[in-house]
């Protein structure tokens, strides 16, 4: 039996036309105030925050927790909403031609309940903590902006 995600099911209906997709990312801080980043397989080798798209019936918090667990193996405790990113700057054309506008909830936490950060899925090449003032050069632009927004509010 094929288990298609919500987005894959929509794509079968609308093709590559623009969609509005909701997702969550999470700024996870360790006790050294370093941020957990994921080196992604898409776009290949680029670093970003753990997160992804919401599935039907999920809250944005549930989405953040599920995606972080799938990608890093960490179970998170309390999440604090930092910001919501949306608008014209959130327009994306994927390599396969799919178009979408992302509405992204940005959460922050230092509350790790269980697990050790490591690669847990085929979306990741590496998982690593970085000092907030020494982020990798190749990074998802919107994720770098989320971290900069977090630093500006501290």
C-alpha atoms as a PDB file:
ATOM      1  CA  UNK A   1       0.000   0.000   0.000  1.00  0.00           C
ATOM      2  CA  UNK A   2       1.346   3.437  -0.963  1.00  0.00           C
ATOM      3  CA  UNK A   3       1.415   5.981   1.851  1.00  0.00           C
ATOM      4  CA  UNK A   4       1.482   9.407   0.198  1.00  0.00           C
ATOM      5  CA  UNK A   5       1.977  12.542   2.199  1.00  0.00           C
ATOM      6  CA  UNK A   6      -0.555  15.346   2.081  1.00  0.00           C
ATOM      7  CA  UNK A   7       1.652  17.423  -0.237  1.00  0.00           C
ATOM      8  CA  UNK A   8       2.247  14.501  -2.597  1.00  0.00           C
ATOM      9  CA  UNK A   9      -1.519  13.937  -2.784  1.00  0.00           C
ATOM     10  CA  UNK A  10      -2.088  17.646  -3.570  1.00  0.00           C
ATOM     11  CA  UNK A  11       0.604  17.590  -6.244  1.00  0.00           C
ATOM     12  CA  UNK A  12      -1.210  14.752  -8.035  1.00  0.00           C
ATOM     13  CA  UNK A  13      -4.216  17.076  -8.323  1.00  0.00           C
ATOM     14  CA  UNK A  14      -2.645  20.491  -9.009  1.00  0.00           C
ATOM     15  CA  UNK A  15       0.667  19.606 -10.647  1.00  0.00           C
ATOM     16  CA  UNK A  16       3.412  22.163 -10.102  1.00  0.00           C
ATOM     17  CA  UNK A  17       1.074  25.176  -9.596  1.00  0.00           C
ATOM     18  CA  UNK A  18       1.777  27.324  -6.519  1.00  0.00           C
ATOM     19  CA  UNK A  19       0.496  26.044  -3.177  1.00  0.00           C
ATOM     20  CA  UNK A  20       0.542  27.554   0.290  1.00  0.00           C
ATOM     21  CA  UNK A  21       2.352  25.092   2.544  1.00  0.00           C
ATOM     22  CA  UNK A  22       2.584  25.366   6.322  1.00  0.00           C
ATOM     23  CA  UNK A  23       5.569  24.092   8.213  1.00  0.00           C
ATOM     24  CA  UNK A  24       7.681  24.487  11.322  1.00  0.00           C
ATOM     25  CA  UNK A  25      11.381  24.824  12.063  1.00  0.00           C
ATOM     26  CA  UNK A  26      13.059  24.751  15.433  1.00  0.00           C
ATOM     27  CA  UNK A  27      16.026  26.589  16.919  1.00  0.00           C
ATOM     28  CA  UNK A  28      17.345  23.996  19.380  1.00  0.00           C
ATOM     29  CA  UNK A  29      19.963  25.282  21.815  1.00  0.00           C
ATOM     30  CA  UNK A  30      22.294  23.188  23.949  1.00  0.00           C
ATOM     31  CA  UNK A  31      23.762  24.139  27.327  1.00  0.00           C
ATOM     32  CA  UNK A  32      26.648  25.948  25.543  1.00  0.00           C
ATOM     33  CA  UNK A  33      24.093  28.145  23.720  1.00  0.00           C
ATOM     34  CA  UNK A  34      24.954  26.484  20.405  1.00  0.00           C
ATOM     35  CA  UNK A  35      22.289  25.844  17.762  1.00  0.00           C
ATOM     36  CA  UNK A  36      21.587  22.419  16.259  1.00  0.00           C
ATOM     37  CA  UNK A  37      21.835  22.403  12.468  1.00  0.00           C
ATOM     38  CA  UNK A  38      21.099  19.739   9.901  1.00  0.00           C
ATOM     39  CA  UNK A  39      23.176  19.387   6.732  1.00  0.00           C
ATOM     40  CA  UNK A  40      20.517  18.553   4.178  1.00  0.00           C
ATOM     41  CA  UNK A  41      20.394  16.242   1.198  1.00  0.00           C
ATOM     42  CA  UNK A  42      18.156  18.846  -0.537  1.00  0.00           C
ATOM     43  CA  UNK A  43      19.494  21.275  -1.384  1.00  0.00           C
ATOM     44  CA  UNK A  44      22.538  19.043  -1.155  1.00  0.00           C
ATOM     45  CA  UNK A  45      25.090  19.994   1.490  1.00  0.00           C
ATOM     46  CA  UNK A  46      23.269  23.125   2.672  1.00  0.00           C
ATOM     47  CA  UNK A  47      22.785  23.552   6.437  1.00  0.00           C
ATOM     48  CA  UNK A  48      19.462  24.447   8.031  1.00  0.00           C
ATOM     49  CA  UNK A  49      17.311  24.123  11.108  1.00  0.00           C
ATOM     50  CA  UNK A  50      15.438  20.861  11.689  1.00  0.00           C
ATOM     51  CA  UNK A  51      11.839  21.064  10.540  1.00  0.00           C
ATOM     52  CA  UNK A  52       9.449  20.439   7.703  1.00  0.00           C
ATOM     53  CA  UNK A  53       5.895  20.521   6.438  1.00  0.00           C
ATOM     54  CA  UNK A  54       2.761  19.991   8.483  1.00  0.00           C
ATOM     55  CA  UNK A  55       0.590  16.920   7.870  1.00  0.00           C
ATOM     56  CA  UNK A  56      -3.206  16.872   8.056  1.00  0.00           C
ATOM     57  CA  UNK A  57      -4.504  17.004  11.619  1.00  0.00           C
ATOM     58  CA  UNK A  58      -1.242  18.241  13.138  1.00  0.00           C
ATOM     59  CA  UNK A  59      -0.720  21.412  15.088  1.00  0.00           C
ATOM     60  CA  UNK A  60       2.331  23.450  14.154  1.00  0.00           C
ATOM     61  CA  UNK A  61       3.909  22.418  17.477  1.00  0.00           C
ATOM     62  CA  UNK A  62       3.251  18.746  16.695  1.00  0.00           C
ATOM     63  CA  UNK A  63       4.805  19.283  13.264  1.00  0.00           C
ATOM     64  CA  UNK A  64       7.957  20.760  14.820  1.00  0.00           C
ATOM     65  CA  UNK A  65       8.251  17.904  17.323  1.00  0.00           C
ATOM     66  CA  UNK A  66       7.655  15.189  14.699  1.00  0.00           C
ATOM     67  CA  UNK A  67      10.088  16.659  12.176  1.00  0.00           C
ATOM     68  CA  UNK A  68      12.800  17.196  14.800  1.00  0.00           C
ATOM     69  CA  UNK A  69      12.385  13.620  16.019  1.00  0.00           C
ATOM     70  CA  UNK A  70      12.450  12.194  12.471  1.00  0.00           C
ATOM     71  CA  UNK A  71      15.530  14.200  11.501  1.00  0.00           C
ATOM     72  CA  UNK A  72      17.569  14.178  14.730  1.00  0.00           C
ATOM     73  CA  UNK A  73      16.175  11.550  17.115  1.00  0.00           C
ATOM     74  CA  UNK A  74      15.479  14.201  19.760  1.00  0.00           C
ATOM     75  CA  UNK A  75      12.262  14.411  21.749  1.00  0.00           C
ATOM     76  CA  UNK A  76      11.560  18.041  22.632  1.00  0.00           C
ATOM     77  CA  UNK A  77       9.829  19.517  25.637  1.00  0.00           C
ATOM     78  CA  UNK A  78       8.469  23.058  25.786  1.00  0.00           C
ATOM     79  CA  UNK A  79       8.533  25.076  22.553  1.00  0.00           C
ATOM     80  CA  UNK A  80       8.308  28.862  22.398  1.00  0.00           C
ATOM     81  CA  UNK A  81       7.026  30.549  19.241  1.00  0.00           C
ATOM     82  CA  UNK A  82       9.604  33.059  18.020  1.00  0.00           C
ATOM     83  CA  UNK A  83       8.033  34.234  14.774  1.00  0.00           C
ATOM     84  CA  UNK A  84       5.975  33.350  11.709  1.00  0.00           C
ATOM     85  CA  UNK A  85       7.635  33.760   8.333  1.00  0.00           C
ATOM     86  CA  UNK A  86       5.471  34.334   5.241  1.00  0.00           C
ATOM     87  CA  UNK A  87       4.983  36.657   2.299  1.00  0.00           C
ATOM     88  CA  UNK A  88       6.527  37.185  -1.117  1.00  0.00           C
ATOM     89  CA  UNK A  89      10.004  36.306   0.174  1.00  0.00           C
ATOM     90  CA  UNK A  90       8.710  32.831   1.026  1.00  0.00           C
ATOM     91  CA  UNK A  91       8.065  31.907  -2.630  1.00  0.00           C
ATOM     92  CA  UNK A  92      10.003  28.798  -3.656  1.00  0.00           C
ATOM     93  CA  UNK A  93      10.450  26.922  -6.911  1.00  0.00           C
ATOM     94  CA  UNK A  94      11.804  23.463  -6.167  1.00  0.00           C
ATOM     95  CA  UNK A  95      14.265  21.698  -8.486  1.00  0.00           C
ATOM     96  CA  UNK A  96      11.415  19.571  -9.837  1.00  0.00           C
ATOM     97  CA  UNK A  97       9.411  22.699 -10.784  1.00  0.00           C
ATOM     98  CA  UNK A  98       6.940  22.579  -7.869  1.00  0.00           C
ATOM     99  CA  UNK A  99       6.017  26.089  -6.716  1.00  0.00           C
ATOM    100  CA  UNK A 100       4.912  27.082  -3.252  1.00  0.00           C
ATOM    101  CA  UNK A 101       4.679  29.842  -0.687  1.00  0.00           C
ATOM    102  CA  UNK A 102       5.902  28.694   2.707  1.00  0.00           C
ATOM    103  CA  UNK A 103       4.240  29.802   5.932  1.00  0.00           C
ATOM    104  CA  UNK A 104       6.777  28.775   8.558  1.00  0.00           C
ATOM    105  CA  UNK A 105       6.391  28.749  12.329  1.00  0.00           C
ATOM    106  CA  UNK A 106       9.743  29.320  14.004  1.00  0.00           C
ATOM    107  CA  UNK A 107      10.098  27.764  17.443  1.00  0.00           C
ATOM    108  CA  UNK A 108      12.899  27.983  20.009  1.00  0.00           C
ATOM    109  CA  UNK A 109      13.766  25.484  22.729  1.00  0.00           C
ATOM    110  CA  UNK A 110      16.554  24.322  24.974  1.00  0.00           C
ATOM    111  CA  UNK A 111      14.263  21.681  26.487  1.00  0.00           C
ATOM    112  CA  UNK A 112      15.433  18.301  25.179  1.00  0.00           C
ATOM    113  CA  UNK A 113      13.575  15.551  27.005  1.00  0.00           C
ATOM    114  CA  UNK A 114      15.219  12.541  25.402  1.00  0.00           C
ATOM    115  CA  UNK A 115      17.780  11.499  22.801  1.00  0.00           C
ATOM    116  CA  UNK A 116      21.177  12.340  21.400  1.00  0.00           C
ATOM    117  CA  UNK A 117      21.311  14.396  18.214  1.00  0.00           C
ATOM    118  CA  UNK A 118      22.255  12.241  15.229  1.00  0.00           C
ATOM    119  CA  UNK A 119      21.227  11.608  11.614  1.00  0.00           C
ATOM    120  CA  UNK A 120      17.931   9.706  11.634  1.00  0.00           C
ATOM    121  CA  UNK A 121      16.571   9.947   8.082  1.00  0.00           C
ATOM    122  CA  UNK A 122      17.528  10.227   4.427  1.00  0.00           C
ATOM    123  CA  UNK A 123      16.986  14.018   4.474  1.00  0.00           C
ATOM    124  CA  UNK A 124      20.186  14.585   6.462  1.00  0.00           C
ATOM    125  CA  UNK A 125      23.886  14.223   5.756  1.00  0.00           C
ATOM    126  CA  UNK A 126      25.034  15.479   9.153  1.00  0.00           C
ATOM    127  CA  UNK A 127      23.700  16.895  12.430  1.00  0.00           C
ATOM    128  CA  UNK A 128      25.914  19.265  14.397  1.00  0.00           C
ATOM    129  CA  UNK A 129      25.776  22.042  16.988  1.00  0.00           C
ATOM    130  CA  UNK A 130      27.254  25.404  15.949  1.00  0.00           C
ATOM    131  CA  UNK A 131      28.056  28.552  17.942  1.00  0.00           C
ATOM    132  CA  UNK A 132      25.411  31.173  17.161  1.00  0.00           C
ATOM    133  CA  UNK A 133      28.137  33.579  16.015  1.00  0.00           C
ATOM    134  CA  UNK A 134      29.891  31.042  13.752  1.00  0.00           C
ATOM    135  CA  UNK A 135      27.279  29.510  11.448  1.00  0.00           C
ATOM    136  CA  UNK A 136      28.207  27.583   8.285  1.00  0.00           C
ATOM    137  CA  UNK A 137      28.543  29.612   5.097  1.00  0.00           C
ATOM    138  CA  UNK A 138      26.205  27.393   3.031  1.00  0.00           C
ATOM    139  CA  UNK A 139      22.926  27.763   4.902  1.00  0.00           C
ATOM    140  CA  UNK A 140      19.229  28.065   4.013  1.00  0.00           C
ATOM    141  CA  UNK A 141      18.705  31.838   3.844  1.00  0.00           C
ATOM    142  CA  UNK A 142      15.398  31.885   5.703  1.00  0.00           C
ATOM    143  CA  UNK A 143      16.879  29.740   8.474  1.00  0.00           C
ATOM    144  CA  UNK A 144      19.857  32.087   8.862  1.00  0.00           C
ATOM    145  CA  UNK A 145      17.340  34.957   9.079  1.00  0.00           C
ATOM    146  CA  UNK A 146      15.393  33.070  11.794  1.00  0.00           C
ATOM    147  CA  UNK A 147      18.569  32.692  13.856  1.00  0.00           C
ATOM    148  CA  UNK A 148      19.464  36.364  13.319  1.00  0.00           C
ATOM    149  CA  UNK A 149      15.928  37.368  14.413  1.00  0.00           C
ATOM    150  CA  UNK A 150      16.371  35.209  17.531  1.00  0.00           C
ATOM    151  CA  UNK A 151      19.710  36.865  18.319  1.00  0.00           C
ATOM    152  CA  UNK A 152      18.208  40.346  17.816  1.00  0.00           C
ATOM    153  CA  UNK A 153      15.500  39.588  20.405  1.00  0.00           C
ATOM    154  CA  UNK A 154      17.891  38.325  23.079  1.00  0.00           C
END
